Amino acid sequence: MFDELKSRLFGCFYTVFTPFTEDESIDYEALEKYLSVLHRQGARRFYAMAYNSRYSQLTHPEIRELNEFCIRTVKKLGRDNIVIVGDPIHCSTSETVEFTQHAKEAGADLVSLIVREKYFDDEQILEHYAEVGRRTGMPILVHEMPFLSGYDGTQMHWPASLMQKLPQIPEIIALKEDAKDFEITRAALTLEPRIRVIIAGRKSTFMQYQQYGARGYLNGISIANAGIGERFWAAYESGDEATIRFILTKLEAPFFDRCVAKYGWHRTNKALLQAAGLMHRRDRMPLKHLSDAEYALVQATWQEIEQAWSAEIAIA
């Protein structure tokens, strides 16, 4: 089921970030520019998701509007592009069905579904995904993030038993693996090739899973230039260790080690996009964007990365 679609789920998947205007409206002009720039640089797989796409700052009608805009724009850029959109971070199964049906009718390729309700048992989660699949027939990407236990409120990883039951649901064809735990990610990769596993985190982390058959990852530093992501994937496929080493040490490490380590991923990613001239870093409260002083470090780091990248391209 969905074999043709699954055959195109590989390589770098590019996050859709949501920009805001000064009055905190969604800045669709900037978003269209961002998607167009990524596409021109080689991006073909676009992913609007719970946190990077700022769903937590949006109303449910805004999420529908954003999803539809992303689908329409990405497909206009190229009919064969892959576009993935999501459901709200917190909602009932019935509302997830509604969002999934809307995404299907709007032309999305997959829907990314996250469960942030407290976990009580495997069947609770499986029934949720099975119900959505049964009622919509839409290909599903499971956004796997740690749960909060319904028994004591502590954060917990997905049980291995739950992960291994996902293939029982025919509509589930992909998994965004977000545990950021080596053993859990390695175990998730045993679902390949039935379920494509998209690994979150930096490229150096992704490289740990090459020997286990990893075939998909989120963009990392490539959010600011899809050419980096496509160059990395070509090197990954061909075994070009020199290019991989250059990207990991000269492009990725400065951003993650200096900026993300200091300010956190979710505040720093939009600051990087501003430094690259793609959108403003502003967010809606309670997520507070970086101050001018904090932003200066991101800006200086991006200038260094951009110079290293330009020099590499000139040589190539």
Protein backbone atom coordinates (compact mmCIF):
# COMPACT_ATOMS: atom_id res chain seq x y z
CA MET A 1 0.00 0.00 0.00
CA PHE A 2 1.31 3.48 -0.96
CA ASP A 3 4.46 1.92 -2.43
CA GLU A 4 5.00 4.64 -5.04
CA LEU A 5 4.77 7.36 -2.41
CA LYS A 6 7.10 5.50 -0.03
CA SER A 7 9.66 5.19 -2.80
CA ARG A 8 9.98 9.00 -2.79
CA LEU A 9 10.37 9.38 0.97
CA PHE A 10 14.14 9.61 1.35
CA GLY A 11 16.86 12.17 1.92
CA CYS A 12 16.44 15.58 3.46
CA PHE A 13 12.99 16.75 4.60
CA TYR A 14 12.65 20.52 4.92
CA THR A 15 10.77 22.09 7.79
CA VAL A 16 8.15 24.72 7.01
CA PHE A 17 8.69 27.56 9.50
CA THR A 18 5.86 30.01 10.11
CA PRO A 19 6.87 33.70 9.93
CA PHE A 20 4.89 36.48 11.60
CA THR A 21 4.40 40.13 10.75
CA GLU A 22 4.79 42.92 13.31
CA ASP A 23 1.09 42.63 14.22
CA GLU A 24 1.58 38.85 14.72
CA SER A 25 -0.38 37.82 11.65
CA ILE A 26 1.02 34.91 9.63
CA ASP A 27 3.37 36.43 7.08
CA TYR A 28 2.34 34.49 3.99
CA GLU A 29 4.47 36.64 1.69
CA ALA A 30 7.61 35.69 3.63
CA LEU A 31 6.50 32.05 3.79
CA GLU A 32 6.00 31.86 0.03
CA LYS A 33 9.44 33.40 -0.45
CA TYR A 34 10.99 30.86 1.93
CA LEU A 35 9.41 27.86 0.22
CA SER A 36 10.39 29.20 -3.21
CA VAL A 37 14.01 29.76 -2.18
CA LEU A 38 14.31 26.26 -0.72
CA HIS A 39 12.82 24.76 -3.86
CA ARG A 40 15.18 26.72 -6.10
CA GLN A 41 18.08 25.37 -4.01
CA GLY A 42 16.93 21.78 -4.53
CA ALA A 43 14.37 20.99 -1.79
CA ARG A 44 11.60 18.61 -2.86
CA ARG A 45 10.22 17.29 0.45
CA PHE A 46 8.49 19.87 2.66
CA TYR A 47 7.15 19.21 6.15
CA ALA A 48 4.86 21.45 8.20
CA MET A 49 4.86 20.08 11.73
CA ALA A 50 3.74 20.64 15.29
CA TYR A 51 6.57 22.64 16.83
CA ASN A 52 8.89 23.92 14.10
CA SER A 53 5.87 25.24 12.20
CA ARG A 54 4.59 26.97 15.36
CA TYR A 55 1.25 25.15 15.57
CA SER A 56 1.36 25.75 19.32
CA GLN A 57 1.07 29.49 18.58
CA LEU A 58 -1.77 29.15 16.07
CA THR A 59 -5.52 28.75 16.39
CA HIS A 60 -7.02 25.66 14.80
CA PRO A 61 -8.50 27.67 11.89
CA GLU A 62 -5.05 29.18 11.33
CA ILE A 63 -3.48 25.72 11.19
CA ARG A 64 -5.95 24.69 8.49
CA GLU A 65 -5.24 27.88 6.57
CA LEU A 66 -1.47 27.42 6.92
CA ASN A 67 -1.67 23.77 5.83
CA GLU A 68 -3.70 24.65 2.76
CA PHE A 69 -1.32 27.47 1.82
CA CYS A 70 1.71 25.22 2.14
CA ILE A 71 0.12 22.47 0.07
CA ARG A 72 -0.96 24.89 -2.66
CA THR A 73 2.41 26.67 -2.77
CA VAL A 74 4.58 23.55 -2.74
CA LYS A 75 2.53 21.85 -5.45
CA LYS A 76 2.64 25.02 -7.54
CA LEU A 77 6.44 24.95 -7.30
CA GLY A 78 6.48 21.37 -8.56
CA ARG A 79 3.70 18.81 -8.95
CA ASP A 80 6.01 15.99 -7.87
CA ASN A 81 7.09 17.73 -4.67
CA ILE A 82 6.21 15.97 -1.44
CA VAL A 83 4.25 18.03 1.08
CA ILE A 84 3.45 16.88 4.62
CA VAL A 85 1.20 18.82 6.98
CA GLY A 86 0.02 18.12 10.51
CA ASP A 87 -2.80 18.20 13.01
CA PRO A 88 -2.99 20.37 16.17
CA ILE A 89 -0.73 19.42 19.04
CA HIS A 90 -3.69 18.90 21.37
CA CYS A 91 -7.06 17.75 20.05
CA SER A 92 -9.47 14.84 20.03
CA THR A 93 -9.31 11.94 17.60
CA SER A 94 -12.41 13.31 15.87
CA GLU A 95 -10.71 16.63 15.22
CA THR A 96 -7.58 14.85 13.98
CA VAL A 97 -9.83 13.05 11.49
CA GLU A 98 -11.20 16.42 10.35
CA PHE A 99 -7.71 17.88 9.89
CA THR A 100 -6.57 14.76 8.05
CA GLN A 101 -9.54 14.87 5.69
CA HIS A 102 -8.90 18.55 5.05
CA ALA A 103 -5.24 17.83 4.25
CA LYS A 104 -6.26 15.03 1.89
CA GLU A 105 -8.78 17.18 0.03
CA ALA A 106 -6.25 20.04 -0.22
CA GLY A 107 -3.73 17.72 -1.90
CA ALA A 108 -1.20 16.83 0.81
CA ASP A 109 0.85 13.68 0.30
CA LEU A 110 0.96 12.68 3.97
CA VAL A 111 -0.41 13.91 7.25
CA SER A 112 1.85 14.12 10.30
CA LEU A 113 -0.05 13.17 13.45
CA ILE A 114 1.19 13.81 16.96
CA VAL A 115 -0.38 12.50 20.17
CA ARG A 116 0.19 14.72 23.19
CA GLU A 117 -2.54 13.21 25.35
CA LYS A 118 -1.20 11.30 28.36
CA TYR A 119 -0.20 7.72 27.63
CA PHE A 120 -1.98 4.86 29.40
CA ASP A 121 -1.45 1.87 27.13
CA ASP A 122 -0.46 0.85 23.60
CA GLU A 123 -4.01 0.19 22.47
CA GLN A 124 -5.05 3.78 23.26
CA ILE A 125 -2.48 5.14 20.79
CA LEU A 126 -3.00 2.44 18.17
CA GLU A 127 -6.76 2.96 18.21
CA HIS A 128 -6.24 6.67 17.60
CA TYR A 129 -4.12 6.12 14.48
CA ALA A 130 -6.26 3.23 13.25
CA GLU A 131 -9.40 5.34 13.50
CA VAL A 132 -7.86 8.16 11.47
CA GLY A 133 -6.57 5.76 8.84
CA ARG A 134 -9.84 3.86 8.59
CA ARG A 135 -11.98 7.00 8.24
CA THR A 136 -9.75 8.91 5.80
CA GLY A 137 -7.53 6.45 3.93
CA MET A 138 -4.79 9.08 4.15
CA PRO A 139 -1.09 8.09 4.35
CA ILE A 140 0.09 8.84 7.89
CA LEU A 141 3.45 9.95 9.26
CA VAL A 142 3.55 9.24 12.99
CA HIS A 143 5.23 12.09 14.89
CA GLU A 144 6.80 10.10 17.70
CA MET A 145 7.69 12.25 20.69
CA PRO A 146 8.04 11.26 24.35
CA PHE A 147 4.73 10.93 26.17
CA LEU A 148 3.68 12.05 29.61
CA SER A 149 2.62 9.03 31.65
CA GLY A 150 -1.06 9.03 32.53
CA TYR A 151 -0.18 7.35 35.81
CA ASP A 152 2.48 9.59 37.35
CA GLY A 153 2.94 12.48 34.89
CA THR A 154 6.60 11.70 34.15
CA GLN A 155 8.05 11.97 30.66
CA MET A 156 8.48 8.58 29.02
CA HIS A 157 9.69 7.27 25.67
CA TRP A 158 7.43 5.23 23.44
CA PRO A 159 7.42 1.62 24.61
CA ALA A 160 9.17 -0.72 22.19
CA SER A 161 5.97 -2.76 22.09
CA LEU A 162 4.02 0.21 20.73
CA MET A 163 6.63 1.02 18.11
CA GLN A 164 6.67 -2.54 16.80
CA LYS A 165 2.86 -2.58 16.45
CA LEU A 166 2.70 0.43 14.10
CA PRO A 167 2.94 -1.70 10.92
CA GLN A 168 -0.42 -3.21 11.86
CA ILE A 169 -2.02 0.01 10.62
CA PRO A 170 -1.74 0.05 6.80
CA GLU A 171 -2.01 3.82 6.47
CA ILE A 172 1.10 4.42 8.60
CA ILE A 173 3.99 4.66 6.13
CA ALA A 174 6.44 6.97 7.90
CA LEU A 175 7.69 7.90 11.37
CA LYS A 176 9.36 11.08 12.55
CA GLU A 177 11.69 9.67 15.20
CA ASP A 178 12.08 12.31 17.89
CA ALA A 179 13.28 10.43 20.97
CA LYS A 180 16.87 11.62 20.45
CA ASP A 181 18.03 8.43 22.09
CA PHE A 182 20.45 6.18 20.22
CA GLU A 183 18.93 2.82 21.17
CA ILE A 184 15.36 3.93 20.56
CA THR A 185 16.21 5.35 17.16
CA ARG A 186 18.14 2.21 16.23
CA ALA A 187 15.14 0.10 17.25
CA ALA A 188 12.83 2.31 15.20
CA LEU A 189 14.97 1.66 12.12
CA THR A 190 13.96 -2.01 12.26
CA LEU A 191 10.61 -0.79 10.90
CA GLU A 192 12.35 -0.04 7.58
CA PRO A 193 11.45 -0.50 4.75
CA ARG A 194 7.81 -0.99 5.73
CA ILE A 195 7.83 2.39 7.50
CA ARG A 196 10.22 5.14 6.47
CA VAL A 197 11.98 6.57 9.54
CA ILE A 198 12.83 10.29 9.43
CA ILE A 199 15.42 11.10 12.08
CA ALA A 200 15.40 14.42 13.91
CA GLY A 201 18.56 16.17 15.07
CA ARG A 202 21.83 17.31 13.56
CA LYS A 203 23.52 15.60 10.61
CA SER A 204 26.35 14.31 12.79
CA THR A 205 23.74 12.47 14.85
CA PHE A 206 22.12 11.09 11.72
CA MET A 207 25.46 9.65 10.58
CA GLN A 208 25.45 7.28 13.55
CA TYR A 209 22.58 5.40 11.96
CA GLN A 210 24.02 4.95 8.48
CA GLN A 211 25.01 1.36 9.21
CA TYR A 212 21.42 0.65 10.35
CA GLY A 213 19.89 1.72 7.05
CA ALA A 214 18.84 5.31 7.82
CA ARG A 215 17.23 6.87 4.75
CA GLY A 216 15.62 10.11 5.90
CA TYR A 217 16.40 13.05 8.18
CA LEU A 218 15.25 16.55 9.09
CA ASN A 219 17.16 19.46 7.67
CA GLY A 220 19.19 21.00 10.56
CA ILE A 221 21.50 23.73 9.25
CA SER A 222 19.94 23.22 5.80
CA ILE A 223 16.88 25.22 6.91
CA ALA A 224 18.82 28.27 5.70
CA ASN A 225 20.12 26.76 2.46
CA ALA A 226 18.68 23.61 0.91
CA GLY A 227 21.80 23.29 -1.22
CA ILE A 228 23.65 22.15 1.91
CA GLY A 229 21.09 19.43 2.59
CA GLU A 230 21.10 18.17 -0.99
CA ARG A 231 24.90 18.22 -1.14
CA PHE A 232 25.04 16.27 2.13
CA TRP A 233 22.59 13.66 0.86
CA ALA A 234 24.51 13.16 -2.38
CA ALA A 235 27.69 12.65 -0.33
CA TYR A 236 25.88 10.27 2.04
CA GLU A 237 24.68 8.18 -0.91
CA SER A 238 28.04 8.13 -2.68
CA GLY A 239 30.26 7.70 0.38
CA ASP A 240 32.00 11.04 -0.17
CA GLU A 241 33.56 11.29 3.28
CA ALA A 242 35.44 14.52 2.59
CA THR A 243 32.26 16.42 1.74
CA ILE A 244 30.42 14.93 4.72
CA ARG A 245 33.24 15.95 7.04
CA PHE A 246 33.27 19.49 5.62
CA ILE A 247 29.52 19.91 6.13
CA LEU A 248 29.58 18.48 9.64
CA THR A 249 32.57 20.47 10.90
CA LYS A 250 32.50 23.73 8.95
CA LEU A 251 28.78 24.30 8.45
CA GLU A 252 26.80 22.39 11.04
CA ALA A 253 29.03 22.39 14.12
CA PRO A 254 29.40 26.20 14.43
CA PHE A 255 25.62 26.69 14.41
CA PHE A 256 24.77 23.89 16.82
CA ASP A 257 27.74 24.20 19.16
CA ARG A 258 27.71 27.98 19.48
CA CYS A 259 24.10 28.98 18.98
CA VAL A 260 21.73 26.05 19.54
CA ALA A 261 23.67 24.89 22.59
CA LYS A 262 23.35 28.36 24.09
CA TYR A 263 19.84 29.44 23.11
CA GLY A 264 17.99 26.23 22.23
CA TRP A 265 16.81 24.94 18.88
CA HIS A 266 13.35 26.51 18.73
CA ARG A 267 14.45 30.08 19.34
CA THR A 268 17.60 29.81 17.27
CA ASN A 269 16.11 28.37 14.11
CA LYS A 270 14.05 31.46 13.31
CA ALA A 271 17.03 33.69 14.18
CA LEU A 272 19.10 31.77 11.63
CA LEU A 273 16.41 32.31 8.99
CA GLN A 274 16.50 36.04 9.67
CA ALA A 275 20.28 36.07 9.39
CA ALA A 276 19.89 34.35 6.01
CA GLY A 277 17.39 37.01 4.89
CA LEU A 278 14.46 34.60 4.66
CA MET A 279 12.05 35.77 7.39
CA HIS A 280 11.96 37.72 10.64
CA ARG A 281 12.76 35.87 13.83
CA ARG A 282 9.70 37.13 15.72
CA ASP A 283 7.29 34.66 17.32
CA ARG A 284 4.07 34.90 19.28
CA MET A 285 4.36 34.82 23.03
CA PRO A 286 4.84 32.81 25.14
CA LEU A 287 7.72 31.79 22.83
CA LYS A 288 10.03 34.79 23.05
CA HIS A 289 12.43 35.37 20.18
CA LEU A 290 16.12 36.10 20.70
CA SER A 291 17.11 39.61 21.74
CA ASP A 292 19.23 41.79 19.46
CA ALA A 293 22.34 40.92 21.48
CA GLU A 294 21.60 37.19 21.28
CA TYR A 295 20.75 37.44 17.61
CA ALA A 296 24.14 39.03 16.90
CA LEU A 297 25.87 35.72 17.69
CA VAL A 298 23.59 33.83 15.29
CA GLN A 299 24.14 36.44 12.60
CA ALA A 300 27.93 36.33 12.94
CA THR A 301 27.90 32.52 12.93
CA TRP A 302 25.78 32.41 9.79
CA GLN A 303 28.13 34.81 8.01
CA GLU A 304 31.01 32.47 8.81
CA ILE A 305 29.05 29.44 7.59
CA GLU A 306 27.95 31.21 4.43
CA GLN A 307 31.55 32.18 3.61
CA ALA A 308 32.73 28.60 4.11
CA TRP A 309 29.88 27.29 1.93
CA SER A 310 30.52 29.83 -0.82
CA ALA A 311 34.21 28.95 -0.87
CA GLU A 312 33.39 25.25 -1.12
CA ILE A 313 30.95 25.82 -3.99
CA ALA A 314 33.52 27.96 -5.81
CA ILE A 315 36.07 25.14 -5.56
CA ALA A 316 33.56 22.53 -6.70
